[in-house]
């Protein structure tokens, strides 16, 4: 499996050497072409590594640092009461929630409260 990329490298180098010896290309052109090829190959390898790492992280159930930080900011905002809901939306939601709370309270009234020291 590792021999295919090595053979590709050697075949590329052979073709550049052949073009140089045949006079088709100058040494500066060959050097520039090799530099570009090396840069493109490096970018391809970097992208493949990133893809494999992200897949492994997803399989293990980890989250990215950016996702964690965003969640931490959201939790902090919720704890401090600073949500992104506008004042008018808050009024509407509190007006809608007010009757619902009364009906919920009446449903939970028949339940007996459990004393902390009571035995079960």
PDB file of N, CA and C in Angstrom:
ATOM      1  N   UNK A   1       0.809  -1.179   0.000  1.00  0.00           N
ATOM      2  CA  UNK A   1       0.000   0.000   0.000  1.00  0.00           C
ATOM      3  C   UNK A   1       0.866   1.262   0.000  1.00  0.00           C
ATOM      4  N   UNK A   2       1.949   1.265   0.738  1.00  0.00           N
ATOM      5  CA  UNK A   2       2.830   2.422   0.807  1.00  0.00           C
ATOM      6  C   UNK A   2       3.681   2.563  -0.452  1.00  0.00           C
ATOM      7  N   UNK A   3       3.779   1.508  -1.242  1.00  0.00           N
ATOM      8  CA  UNK A   3       4.625   1.558  -2.425  1.00  0.00           C
ATOM      9  C   UNK A   3       4.002   2.377  -3.543  1.00  0.00           C
ATOM     10  N   UNK A   4       2.692   2.459  -3.629  1.00  0.00           N
ATOM     11  CA  UNK A   4       2.041   3.210  -4.701  1.00  0.00           C
ATOM     12  C   UNK A   4       2.430   4.693  -4.661  1.00  0.00           C
ATOM     13  N   UNK A   5       2.333   5.374  -3.498  1.00  0.00           N
ATOM     14  CA  UNK A   5       2.761   6.774  -3.470  1.00  0.00           C
ATOM     15  C   UNK A   5       4.250   6.950  -3.745  1.00  0.00           C
ATOM     16  N   UNK A   6       5.069   6.009  -3.275  1.00  0.00           N
ATOM     17  CA  UNK A   6       6.509   6.094  -3.528  1.00  0.00           C
ATOM     18  C   UNK A   6       6.769   5.966  -5.021  1.00  0.00           C
ATOM     19  N   UNK A   7       6.094   5.019  -5.682  1.00  0.00           N
ATOM     20  CA  UNK A   7       6.254   4.870  -7.122  1.00  0.00           C
ATOM     21  C   UNK A   7       5.795   6.120  -7.853  1.00  0.00           C
ATOM     22  N   UNK A   8       4.743   6.754  -7.346  1.00  0.00           N
ATOM     23  CA  UNK A   8       4.250   7.988  -7.957  1.00  0.00           C
ATOM     24  C   UNK A   8       5.297   9.090  -7.857  1.00  0.00           C
ATOM     25  N   UNK A   9       5.951   9.178  -6.711  1.00  0.00           N
ATOM     26  CA  UNK A   9       6.997  10.186  -6.519  1.00  0.00           C
ATOM     27  C   UNK A   9       8.137   9.944  -7.490  1.00  0.00           C
ATOM     28  N   UNK A  10       8.570   8.689  -7.579  1.00  0.00           N
ATOM     29  CA  UNK A  10       9.678   8.385  -8.478  1.00  0.00           C
ATOM     30  C   UNK A  10       9.307   8.615  -9.939  1.00  0.00           C
ATOM     31  N   UNK A  11       8.107   8.264 -10.324  1.00  0.00           N
ATOM     32  CA  UNK A  11       7.710   8.481 -11.713  1.00  0.00           C
ATOM     33  C   UNK A  11       7.619   9.972 -12.033  1.00  0.00           C
ATOM     34  N   UNK A  12       7.180  10.761 -11.065  1.00  0.00           N
ATOM     35  CA  UNK A  12       7.121  12.216 -11.265  1.00  0.00           C
ATOM     36  C   UNK A  12       8.533  12.775 -11.398  1.00  0.00           C
ATOM     37  N   UNK A  13       9.421  12.332 -10.529  1.00  0.00           N
ATOM     38  CA  UNK A  13      10.806  12.805 -10.602  1.00  0.00           C
ATOM     39  C   UNK A  13      11.471  12.382 -11.914  1.00  0.00           C
ATOM     40  N   UNK A  14      11.194  11.164 -12.356  1.00  0.00           N
ATOM     41  CA  UNK A  14      11.754  10.690 -13.635  1.00  0.00           C
ATOM     42  C   UNK A  14      11.257  11.545 -14.794  1.00  0.00           C
ATOM     43  N   UNK A  15       9.970  11.870 -14.765  1.00  0.00           N
ATOM     44  CA  UNK A  15       9.444  12.679 -15.875  1.00  0.00           C
ATOM     45  C   UNK A  15      10.065  14.081 -15.871  1.00  0.00           C
ATOM     46  N   UNK A  16      10.276  14.653 -14.697  1.00  0.00           N
ATOM     47  CA  UNK A  16      10.929  15.958 -14.635  1.00  0.00           C
ATOM     48  C   UNK A  16      12.382  15.866 -15.098  1.00  0.00           C
ATOM     49  N   UNK A  17      13.078  14.807 -14.695  1.00  0.00           N
ATOM     50  CA  UNK A  17      14.474  14.620 -15.110  1.00  0.00           C
ATOM     51  C   UNK A  17      14.563  14.421 -16.625  1.00  0.00           C
ATOM     52  N   UNK A  18      13.618  13.686 -17.190  1.00  0.00           N
ATOM     53  CA  UNK A  18      13.603  13.458 -18.632  1.00  0.00           C
ATOM     54  C   UNK A  18      13.374  14.779 -19.370  1.00  0.00           C
ATOM     55  N   UNK A  19      12.444  15.598 -18.884  1.00  0.00           N
ATOM     56  CA  UNK A  19      12.177  16.896 -19.517  1.00  0.00           C
ATOM     57  C   UNK A  19      13.394  17.813 -19.411  1.00  0.00           C
ATOM     58  N   UNK A  20      14.119  17.715 -18.299  1.00  0.00           N
ATOM     59  CA  UNK A  20      15.310  18.521 -18.112  1.00  0.00           C
ATOM     60  C   UNK A  20      16.410  18.072 -19.068  1.00  0.00           C
ATOM     61  N   UNK A  21      16.610  16.760 -19.171  1.00  0.00           N
ATOM     62  CA  UNK A  21      17.670  16.259 -20.039  1.00  0.00           C
ATOM     63  C   UNK A  21      17.335  16.446 -21.520  1.00  0.00           C
ATOM     64  N   UNK A  22      16.055  16.419 -21.861  1.00  0.00           N
ATOM     65  CA  UNK A  22      15.655  16.638 -23.252  1.00  0.00           C
ATOM     66  C   UNK A  22      15.663  18.119 -23.626  1.00  0.00           C
ATOM     67  N   UNK A  23      15.845  18.971 -22.677  1.00  0.00           N
ATOM     68  CA  UNK A  23      15.887  20.401 -22.953  1.00  0.00           C
ATOM     69  C   UNK A  23      14.501  21.031 -23.021  1.00  0.00           C
ATOM     70  N   UNK A  24      13.483  20.289 -22.632  1.00  0.00           N
ATOM     71  CA  UNK A  24      12.120  20.839 -22.666  1.00  0.00           C
ATOM     72  C   UNK A  24      11.919  21.877 -21.562  1.00  0.00           C
ATOM     73  N   UNK A  25      12.602  21.690 -20.455  1.00  0.00           N
ATOM     74  CA  UNK A  25      12.451  22.580 -19.300  1.00  0.00           C
ATOM     75  C   UNK A  25      13.819  23.008 -18.791  1.00  0.00           C
ATOM     76  N   UNK A  26      13.841  24.188 -18.160  1.00  0.00           N
ATOM     77  CA  UNK A  26      15.074  24.672 -17.537  1.00  0.00           C
ATOM     78  C   UNK A  26      15.105  24.190 -16.088  1.00  0.00           C
ATOM     79  N   UNK A  27      16.278  24.195 -15.472  1.00  0.00           N
ATOM     80  CA  UNK A  27      16.352  23.791 -14.066  1.00  0.00           C
ATOM     81  C   UNK A  27      15.452  24.655 -13.163  1.00  0.00           C
ATOM     82  N   UNK A  28      15.313  25.941 -13.454  1.00  0.00           N
ATOM     83  CA  UNK A  28      14.459  26.815 -12.651  1.00  0.00           C
ATOM     84  C   UNK A  28      12.993  26.402 -12.788  1.00  0.00           C
ATOM     85  N   UNK A  29      12.574  26.036 -13.996  1.00  0.00           N
ATOM     86  CA  UNK A  29      11.195  25.590 -14.210  1.00  0.00           C
ATOM     87  C   UNK A  29      10.920  24.280 -13.476  1.00  0.00           C
ATOM     88  N   UNK A  30      11.892  23.376 -13.538  1.00  0.00           N
ATOM     89  CA  UNK A  30      11.744  22.090 -12.838  1.00  0.00           C
ATOM     90  C   UNK A  30      11.664  22.324 -11.330  1.00  0.00           C
ATOM     91  N   UNK A  31      12.529  23.206 -10.816  1.00  0.00           N
ATOM     92  CA  UNK A  31      12.531  23.495  -9.378  1.00  0.00           C
ATOM     93  C   UNK A  31      11.190  24.108  -8.959  1.00  0.00           C
ATOM     94  N   UNK A  32      10.663  25.023  -9.764  1.00  0.00           N
ATOM     95  CA  UNK A  32       9.382  25.649  -9.449  1.00  0.00           C
ATOM     96  C   UNK A  32       8.255  24.619  -9.502  1.00  0.00           C
ATOM     97  N   UNK A  33       8.298  23.748 -10.494  1.00  0.00           N
ATOM     98  CA  UNK A  33       7.266  22.711 -10.624  1.00  0.00           C
ATOM     99  C   UNK A  33       7.325  21.746  -9.438  1.00  0.00           C
ATOM    100  N   UNK A  34       8.542  21.350  -9.037  1.00  0.00           N
ATOM    101  CA  UNK A  34       8.697  20.465  -7.881  1.00  0.00           C
ATOM    102  C   UNK A  34       8.223  21.146  -6.594  1.00  0.00           C
ATOM    103  N   UNK A  35       8.501  22.437  -6.471  1.00  0.00           N
ATOM    104  CA  UNK A  35       8.064  23.184  -5.298  1.00  0.00           C
ATOM    105  C   UNK A  35       6.534  23.236  -5.243  1.00  0.00           C
ATOM    106  N   UNK A  36       5.905  23.524  -6.366  1.00  0.00           N
ATOM    107  CA  UNK A  36       4.437  23.555  -6.420  1.00  0.00           C
ATOM    108  C   UNK A  36       3.852  22.178  -6.109  1.00  0.00           C
ATOM    109  N   UNK A  37       4.453  21.159  -6.685  1.00  0.00           N
ATOM    110  CA  UNK A  37       3.967  19.795  -6.479  1.00  0.00           C
ATOM    111  C   UNK A  37       4.079  19.394  -5.002  1.00  0.00           C
ATOM    112  N   UNK A  38       5.209  19.758  -4.377  1.00  0.00           N
ATOM    113  CA  UNK A  38       5.400  19.446  -2.959  1.00  0.00           C
ATOM    114  C   UNK A  38       4.384  20.194  -2.091  1.00  0.00           C
ATOM    115  N   UNK A  39       4.115  21.446  -2.438  1.00  0.00           N
ATOM    116  CA  UNK A  39       3.144  22.232  -1.680  1.00  0.00           C
ATOM    117  C   UNK A  39       1.740  21.635  -1.813  1.00  0.00           C
ATOM    118  N   UNK A  40       1.351  21.280  -3.029  1.00  0.00           N
ATOM    119  CA  UNK A  40       0.029  20.671  -3.247  1.00  0.00           C
ATOM    120  C   UNK A  40      -0.095  19.335  -2.517  1.00  0.00           C
ATOM    121  N   UNK A  41       0.982  18.547  -2.549  1.00  0.00           N
ATOM    122  CA  UNK A  41       0.965  17.257  -1.859  1.00  0.00           C
ATOM    123  C   UNK A  41       0.831  17.454  -0.349  1.00  0.00           C
ATOM    124  N   UNK A  42       1.514  18.441   0.175  1.00  0.00           N
ATOM    125  CA  UNK A  42       1.421  18.741   1.604  1.00  0.00           C
ATOM    126  C   UNK A  42       0.009  19.155   1.996  1.00  0.00           C
ATOM    127  N   UNK A  43      -0.623  19.967   1.159  1.00  0.00           N
ATOM    128  CA  UNK A  43      -1.992  20.394   1.437  1.00  0.00           C
ATOM    129  C   UNK A  43      -2.953  19.204   1.389  1.00  0.00           C
ATOM    130  N   UNK A  44      -2.732  18.295   0.451  1.00  0.00           N
ATOM    131  CA  UNK A  44      -3.580  17.106   0.343  1.00  0.00           C
ATOM    132  C   UNK A  44      -3.434  16.225   1.581  1.00  0.00           C
ATOM    133  N   UNK A  45      -2.201  16.033   2.024  1.00  0.00           N
ATOM    134  CA  UNK A  45      -1.952  15.218   3.216  1.00  0.00           C
ATOM    135  C   UNK A  45      -2.567  15.891   4.448  1.00  0.00           C
ATOM    136  N   UNK A  46      -2.426  17.198   4.566  1.00  0.00           N
ATOM    137  CA  UNK A  46      -2.994  17.929   5.699  1.00  0.00           C
ATOM    138  C   UNK A  46      -4.519  17.790   5.720  1.00  0.00           C
ATOM    139  N   UNK A  47      -5.157  17.906   4.567  1.00  0.00           N
ATOM    140  CA  UNK A  47      -6.616  17.771   4.490  1.00  0.00           C
ATOM    141  C   UNK A  47      -7.055  16.360   4.865  1.00  0.00           C
ATOM    142  N   UNK A  48      -6.306  15.367   4.411  1.00  0.00           N
ATOM    143  CA  UNK A  48      -6.646  13.976   4.732  1.00  0.00           C
ATOM    144  C   UNK A  48      -6.484  13.707   6.227  1.00  0.00           C
ATOM    145  N   UNK A  49      -5.441  14.227   6.822  1.00  0.00           N
ATOM    146  CA  UNK A  49      -5.223  14.048   8.265  1.00  0.00           C
ATOM    147  C   UNK A  49      -6.342  14.721   9.049  1.00  0.00           C
ATOM    148  N   UNK A  50      -6.708  15.935   8.662  1.00  0.00           N
ATOM    149  CA  UNK A  50      -7.793  16.652   9.336  1.00  0.00           C
ATOM    150  C   UNK A  50      -9.093  15.871   9.243  1.00  0.00           C
ATOM    151  N   UNK A  51      -9.367  15.340   8.069  1.00  0.00           N
ATOM    152  CA  UNK A  51     -10.585  14.549   7.857  1.00  0.00           C
ATOM    153  C   UNK A  51     -10.600  13.300   8.742  1.00  0.00           C
ATOM    154  N   UNK A  52      -9.488  12.608   8.824  1.00  0.00           N
ATOM    155  CA  UNK A  52      -9.400  11.394   9.637  1.00  0.00           C
ATOM    156  C   UNK A  52      -9.518  11.709  11.135  1.00  0.00           C
ATOM    157  N   UNK A  53      -8.893  12.806  11.574  1.00  0.00           N
ATOM    158  CA  UNK A  53      -8.966  13.180  12.985  1.00  0.00           C
ATOM    159  C   UNK A  53     -10.399  13.541  13.352  1.00  0.00           C
ATOM    160  N   UNK A  54     -11.077  14.321  12.503  1.00  0.00           N
ATOM    161  CA  UNK A  54     -12.461  14.697  12.778  1.00  0.00           C
ATOM    162  C   UNK A  54     -13.368  13.476  12.829  1.00  0.00           C
ATOM    163  N   UNK A  55     -13.135  12.511  11.947  1.00  0.00           N
ATOM    164  CA  UNK A  55     -13.941  11.287  11.959  1.00  0.00           C
ATOM    165  C   UNK A  55     -13.705  10.490  13.237  1.00  0.00           C
ATOM    166  N   UNK A  56     -12.447  10.399  13.668  1.00  0.00           N
ATOM    167  CA  UNK A  56     -12.126   9.662  14.893  1.00  0.00           C
ATOM    168  C   UNK A  56     -12.720  10.355  16.119  1.00  0.00           C
ATOM    169  N   UNK A  57     -12.647  11.664  16.151  1.00  0.00           N
ATOM    170  CA  UNK A  57     -13.198  12.432  17.271  1.00  0.00           C
ATOM    171  C   UNK A  57     -14.714  12.251  17.331  1.00  0.00           C
ATOM    172  N   UNK A  58     -15.356  12.282  16.185  1.00  0.00           N
ATOM    173  CA  UNK A  58     -16.814  12.101  16.147  1.00  0.00           C
ATOM    174  C   UNK A  58     -17.198  10.697  16.623  1.00  0.00           C
ATOM    175  N   UNK A  59     -16.421   9.700  16.223  1.00  0.00           N
ATOM    176  CA  UNK A  59     -16.709   8.330  16.658  1.00  0.00           C
ATOM    177  C   UNK A  59     -16.567   8.182  18.165  1.00  0.00           C
ATOM    178  N   UNK A  60     -15.621   8.889  18.750  1.00  0.00           N
ATOM    179  CA  UNK A  60     -15.391   8.790  20.190  1.00  0.00           C
ATOM    180  C   UNK A  60     -16.351   9.651  20.994  1.00  0.00           C
ATOM    181  N   UNK A  61     -17.088  10.530  20.329  1.00  0.00           N
ATOM    182  CA  UNK A  61     -18.067  11.354  21.019  1.00  0.00           C
ATOM    183  C   UNK A  61     -17.515  12.631  21.614  1.00  0.00           C
ATOM    184  N   UNK A  62     -16.327  13.036  21.214  1.00  0.00           N
ATOM    185  CA  UNK A  62     -15.756  14.280  21.712  1.00  0.00           C
ATOM    186  C   UNK A  62     -16.364  15.462  20.963  1.00  0.00           C
ATOM    187  N   UNK A  63     -16.261  16.637  21.552  1.00  0.00           N
ATOM    188  CA  UNK A  63     -16.709  17.854  20.886  1.00  0.00           C
ATOM    189  C   UNK A  63     -15.496  18.731  20.602  1.00  0.00           C
ATOM    190  N   UNK A  64     -15.659  19.612  19.630  1.00  0.00           N
ATOM    191  CA  UNK A  64     -14.578  20.539  19.312  1.00  0.00           C
ATOM    192  C   UNK A  64     -14.534  21.639  20.363  1.00  0.00           C
ATOM    193  N   UNK A  65     -13.400  22.261  20.513  1.00  0.00           N
ATOM    194  CA  UNK A  65     -13.210  23.326  21.484  1.00  0.00           C
ATOM    195  C   UNK A  65     -14.170  24.482  21.209  1.00  0.00           C
ATOM    196  N   UNK A  66     -14.368  24.818  19.927  1.00  0.00           N
ATOM    197  CA  UNK A  66     -15.271  25.916  19.575  1.00  0.00           C
ATOM    198  C   UNK A  66     -16.698  25.601  20.019  1.00  0.00           C
ATOM    199  N   UNK A  67     -17.126  24.347  19.820  1.00  0.00           N
ATOM    200  CA  UNK A  67     -18.468  23.947  20.229  1.00  0.00           C
ATOM    201  C   UNK A  67     -18.622  24.018  21.744  1.00  0.00           C
ATOM    202  N   UNK A  68     -17.594  23.572  22.455  1.00  0.00           N
ATOM    203  CA  UNK A  68     -17.623  23.615  23.919  1.00  0.00           C
ATOM    204  C   UNK A  68     -17.684  25.053  24.417  1.00  0.00           C
ATOM    205  N   UNK A  69     -16.853  25.913  23.844  1.00  0.00           N
ATOM    206  CA  UNK A  69     -16.837  27.312  24.262  1.00  0.00           C
ATOM    207  C   UNK A  69     -18.179  27.990  23.988  1.00  0.00           C
ATOM    208  N   UNK A  70     -18.787  27.686  22.838  1.00  0.00           N
ATOM    209  CA  UNK A  70     -20.095  28.275  22.524  1.00  0.00           C
ATOM    210  C   UNK A  70     -21.150  27.807  23.515  1.00  0.00           C
ATOM    211  N   UNK A  71     -21.117  26.544  23.872  1.00  0.00           N
ATOM    212  CA  UNK A  71     -22.064  26.009  24.850  1.00  0.00           C
ATOM    213  C   UNK A  71     -21.838  26.631  26.228  1.00  0.00           C
ATOM    214  N   UNK A  72     -20.584  26.799  26.601  1.00  0.00           N
ATOM    215  CA  UNK A  72     -20.268  27.418  27.893  1.00  0.00           C
ATOM    216  C   UNK A  72     -20.785  28.855  27.933  1.00  0.00           C
ATOM    217  N   UNK A  73     -20.624  29.593  26.824  1.00  0.00           N
ATOM    218  CA  UNK A  73     -21.145  30.964  26.777  1.00  0.00           C
ATOM    219  C   UNK A  73     -22.664  30.979  26.894  1.00  0.00           C
ATOM    220  N   UNK A  74     -23.320  30.033  26.233  1.00  0.00           N
ATOM    221  CA  UNK A  74     -24.776  29.959  26.282  1.00  0.00           C
ATOM    222  C   UNK A  74     -25.261  29.644  27.697  1.00  0.00           C
ATOM    223  N   UNK A  75     -24.605  28.715  28.364  1.00  0.00           N
ATOM    224  CA  UNK A  75     -24.976  28.373  29.740  1.00  0.00           C
ATOM    225  C   UNK A  75     -24.758  29.572  30.655  1.00  0.00           C
ATOM    226  N   UNK A  76     -23.653  30.260  30.475  1.00  0.00           N
ATOM    227  CA  UNK A  76     -23.366  31.439  31.297  1.00  0.00           C
ATOM    228  C   UNK A  76     -24.443  32.508  31.081  1.00  0.00           C
ATOM    229  N   UNK A  77     -24.851  32.717  29.832  1.00  0.00           N
ATOM    230  CA  UNK A  77     -25.887  33.706  29.529  1.00  0.00           C
ATOM    231  C   UNK A  77     -27.213  33.297  30.154  1.00  0.00           C
ATOM    232  N   UNK A  78     -27.524  32.021  30.102  1.00  0.00           N
ATOM    233  CA  UNK A  78     -28.769  31.547  30.692  1.00  0.00           C
ATOM    234  C   UNK A  78     -28.763  31.706  32.209  1.00  0.00           C
ATOM    235  N   UNK A  79     -27.627  31.434  32.836  1.00  0.00           N
ATOM    236  CA  UNK A  79     -27.527  31.578  34.291  1.00  0.00           C
ATOM    237  C   UNK A  79     -27.649  33.026  34.722  1.00  0.00           C
ATOM    238  N   UNK A  80     -27.106  33.922  33.927  1.00  0.00           N
ATOM    239  CA  UNK A  80     -27.169  35.335  34.293  1.00  0.00           C
ATOM    240  C   UNK A  80     -28.478  35.972  33.852  1.00  0.00           C
ATOM    241  N   UNK A  81     -29.317  35.244  33.139  1.00  0.00           N
ATOM    242  CA  UNK A  81     -30.615  35.752  32.711  1.00  0.00           C
ATOM    243  C   UNK A  81     -30.544  36.588  31.462  1.00  0.00           C
ATOM    244  N   UNK A  82     -29.423  36.585  30.799  1.00  0.00           N
ATOM    245  CA  UNK A  82     -29.255  37.366  29.576  1.00  0.00           C
ATOM    246  C   UNK A  82     -29.456  36.445  28.378  1.00  0.00           C
ATOM    247  N   UNK A  83     -30.669  36.311  27.971  1.00  0.00           N
ATOM    248  CA  UNK A  83     -30.944  35.526  26.778  1.00  0.00           C
ATOM    249  C   UNK A  83     -31.141  36.468  25.613  1.00  0.00           C
ATOM    250  N   UNK A  84     -31.196  35.952  24.422  1.00  0.00           N
ATOM    251  CA  UNK A  84     -31.330  36.761  23.218  1.00  0.00           C
ATOM    252  C   UNK A  84     -32.789  37.082  22.892  1.00  0.00           C
ATOM    253  N   UNK A  85     -33.686  36.856  23.822  1.00  0.00           N
ATOM    254  CA  UNK A  85     -35.098  37.114  23.601  1.00  0.00           C
ATOM    255  C   UNK A  85     -35.353  38.598  23.834  1.00  0.00           C
ATOM    256  N   UNK A  86     -36.090  39.228  22.933  1.00  0.00           N
ATOM    257  CA  UNK A  86     -36.381  40.649  23.077  1.00  0.00           C
ATOM    258  C   UNK A  86     -37.395  40.875  24.181  1.00  0.00           C
ATOM    259  N   UNK A  87     -37.533  42.112  24.616  1.00  0.00           N
ATOM    260  CA  UNK A  87     -38.450  42.447  25.704  1.00  0.00           C
ATOM    261  C   UNK A  87     -39.892  42.164  25.318  1.00  0.00           C
ATOM    262  N   UNK A  88     -40.246  42.463  24.074  1.00  0.00           N
ATOM    263  CA  UNK A  88     -41.622  42.211  23.647  1.00  0.00           C
ATOM    264  C   UNK A  88     -41.900  40.718  23.585  1.00  0.00           C
ATOM    265  N   UNK A  89     -40.916  39.950  23.180  1.00  0.00           N
ATOM    266  CA  UNK A  89     -41.097  38.499  23.135  1.00  0.00           C
ATOM    267  C   UNK A  89     -41.222  37.941  24.545  1.00  0.00           C
ATOM    268  N   UNK A  90     -40.506  38.536  25.495  1.00  0.00           N
ATOM    269  CA  UNK A  90     -40.611  38.086  26.882  1.00  0.00           C
ATOM    270  C   UNK A  90     -42.012  38.347  27.428  1.00  0.00           C
ATOM    271  N   UNK A  91     -42.569  39.527  27.102  1.00  0.00           N
ATOM    272  CA  UNK A  91     -43.919  39.863  27.567  1.00  0.00           C
ATOM    273  C   UNK A  91     -44.935  38.885  27.003  1.00  0.00           C
ATOM    274  N   UNK A  92     -44.795  38.584  25.706  1.00  0.00           N
ATOM    275  CA  UNK A  92     -45.722  37.655  25.062  1.00  0.00           C
ATOM    276  C   UNK A  92     -45.603  36.264  25.671  1.00  0.00           C
ATOM    277  N   UNK A  93     -44.365  35.816  25.880  1.00  0.00           N
ATOM    278  CA  UNK A  93     -44.185  34.470  26.422  1.00  0.00           C
ATOM    279  C   UNK A  93     -44.641  34.390  27.872  1.00  0.00           C
ATOM    280  N   UNK A  94     -44.446  35.465  28.651  1.00  0.00           N
ATOM    281  CA  UNK A  94     -44.891  35.426  30.043  1.00  0.00           C
ATOM    282  C   UNK A  94     -46.410  35.470  30.120  1.00  0.00           C
ATOM    283  N   UNK A  95     -47.051  36.184  29.198  1.00  0.00           N
ATOM    284  CA  UNK A  95     -48.512  36.221  29.170  1.00  0.00           C
ATOM    285  C   UNK A  95     -49.074  34.859  28.784  1.00  0.00           C
ATOM    286  N   UNK A  96     -48.404  34.187  27.876  1.00  0.00           N
ATOM    287  CA  UNK A  96     -48.848  32.845  27.463  1.00  0.00           C
ATOM    288  C   UNK A  96     -48.583  31.825  28.559  1.00  0.00           C
ATOM    289  N   UNK A  97     -47.490  31.981  29.283  1.00  0.00           N
ATOM    290  CA  UNK A  97     -47.104  31.004  30.295  1.00  0.00           C
ATOM    291  C   UNK A  97     -47.885  31.163  31.593  1.00  0.00           C
ATOM    292  N   UNK A  98     -48.417  32.330  31.854  1.00  0.00           N
ATOM    293  CA  UNK A  98     -49.102  32.565  33.124  1.00  0.00           C
ATOM    294  C   UNK A  98     -50.278  31.606  33.336  1.00  0.00           C
ATOM    295  N   UNK A  99     -51.213  31.445  32.387  1.00  0.00           N
ATOM    296  CA  UNK A  99     -52.304  30.503  32.604  1.00  0.00           C
ATOM    297  C   UNK A  99     -51.808  29.063  32.689  1.00  0.00           C
ATOM    298  N   UNK A 100     -50.777  28.741  31.960  1.00  0.00           N
ATOM    299  CA  UNK A 100     -50.260  27.374  31.978  1.00  0.00           C
ATOM    300  C   UNK A 100     -49.711  27.026  33.352  1.00  0.00           C
ATOM    301  N   UNK A 101     -49.108  27.973  34.013  1.00  0.00           N
ATOM    302  CA  UNK A 101     -48.556  27.714  35.344  1.00  0.00           C
ATOM    303  C   UNK A 101     -49.666  27.435  36.346  1.00  0.00           C
ATOM    304  N   UNK A 102     -50.797  28.144  36.207  1.00  0.00           N
ATOM    305  CA  UNK A 102     -51.904  27.917  37.132  1.00  0.00           C
ATOM    306  C   UNK A 102     -52.467  26.518  36.961  1.00  0.00           C
ATOM    307  N   UNK A 103     -52.602  26.076  35.716  1.00  0.00           N
ATOM    308  CA  UNK A 103     -53.149  24.744  35.495  1.00  0.00           C
ATOM    309  C   UNK A 103     -52.172  23.668  35.952  1.00  0.00           C
ATOM    310  N   UNK A 104     -50.901  23.913  35.829  1.00  0.00           N
ATOM    311  CA  UNK A 104     -49.896  22.958  36.286  1.00  0.00           C
ATOM    312  C   UNK A 104     -49.929  22.856  37.805  1.00  0.00           C
ATOM    313  N   UNK A 105     -50.112  23.979  38.465  1.00  0.00           N
ATOM    314  CA  UNK A 105     -50.151  23.978  39.924  1.00  0.00           C
ATOM    315  C   UNK A 105     -51.360  23.198  40.431  1.00  0.00           C
ATOM    316  N   UNK A 106     -52.490  23.305  39.752  1.00  0.00           N
ATOM    317  CA  UNK A 106     -53.667  22.582  40.206  1.00  0.00           C
ATOM    318  C   UNK A 106     -53.519  21.084  39.999  1.00  0.00           C
ATOM    319  N   UNK A 107     -52.787  20.703  38.973  1.00  0.00           N
ATOM    320  CA  UNK A 107     -52.560  19.271  38.730  1.00  0.00           C
ATOM    321  C   UNK A 107     -51.619  18.680  39.766  1.00  0.00           C
ATOM    322  N   UNK A 108     -50.652  19.464  40.230  1.00  0.00           N
ATOM    323  CA  UNK A 108     -49.681  18.925  41.178  1.00  0.00           C
ATOM    324  C   UNK A 108     -50.166  19.035  42.620  1.00  0.00           C
ATOM    325  N   UNK A 109     -51.277  19.692  42.885  1.00  0.00           N
ATOM    326  CA  UNK A 109     -51.777  19.869  44.245  1.00  0.00           C
ATOM    327  C   UNK A 109     -52.134  18.560  44.935  1.00  0.00           C
ATOM    328  N   UNK A 110     -52.754  17.562  44.272  1.00  0.00           N
ATOM    329  CA  UNK A 110     -53.122  16.340  44.976  1.00  0.00           C
ATOM    330  C   UNK A 110     -51.932  15.534  45.491  1.00  0.00           C
ATOM    331  N   UNK A 111     -50.740  15.754  44.957  1.00  0.00           N
ATOM    332  CA  UNK A 111     -49.578  14.995  45.413  1.00  0.00           C
ATOM    333  C   UNK A 111     -49.217  15.413  46.830  1.00  0.00           C
ATOM    334  N   UNK A 112     -48.854  14.436  47.633  1.00  0.00           N
ATOM    335  CA  UNK A 112     -48.475  14.710  49.014  1.00  0.00           C
ATOM    336  C   UNK A 112     -47.000  15.050  49.064  1.00  0.00           C
ATOM    337  N   UNK A 113     -46.626  16.087  49.776  1.00  0.00           N
ATOM    338  CA  UNK A 113     -45.214  16.413  49.910  1.00  0.00           C
ATOM    339  C   UNK A 113     -44.506  15.391  50.782  1.00  0.00           C
ATOM    340  N   UNK A 114     -43.314  15.062  50.435  1.00  0.00           N
ATOM    341  CA  UNK A 114     -42.532  14.090  51.185  1.00  0.00           C
ATOM    342  C   UNK A 114     -41.647  14.845  52.156  1.00  0.00           C
ATOM    343  N   UNK A 115     -41.722  14.459  53.431  1.00  0.00           N
ATOM    344  CA  UNK A 115     -40.886  15.088  54.448  1.00  0.00           C
ATOM    345  C   UNK A 115     -39.487  14.536  54.349  1.00  0.00           C
ATOM    346  N   UNK A 116     -38.527  15.369  54.644  1.00  0.00           N
ATOM    347  CA  UNK A 116     -37.122  14.962  54.533  1.00  0.00           C
ATOM    348  C   UNK A 116     -36.778  13.850  55.499  1.00  0.00           C
ATOM    349  N   UNK A 117     -37.336  13.867  56.644  1.00  0.00           N
ATOM    350  CA  UNK A 117     -37.009  12.868  57.650  1.00  0.00           C
ATOM    351  C   UNK A 117     -37.931  11.659  57.624  1.00  0.00           C
ATOM    352  N   UNK A 118     -38.888  11.615  56.723  1.00  0.00           N
ATOM    353  CA  UNK A 118     -39.857  10.525  56.692  1.00  0.00           C
ATOM    354  C   UNK A 118     -39.232   9.244  56.179  1.00  0.00           C
ATOM    355  N   UNK A 119     -39.638   8.111  56.787  1.00  0.00           N
ATOM    356  CA  UNK A 119     -39.160   6.801  56.349  1.00  0.00           C
ATOM    357  C   UNK A 119     -40.067   6.282  55.273  1.00  0.00           C
ATOM    358  N   UNK A 120     -39.538   5.517  54.379  1.00  0.00           N
ATOM    359  CA  UNK A 120     -40.352   4.973  53.284  1.00  0.00           C
ATOM    360  C   UNK A 120     -40.628   3.533  53.478  1.00  0.00           C
TER     361      UNK A 120
END
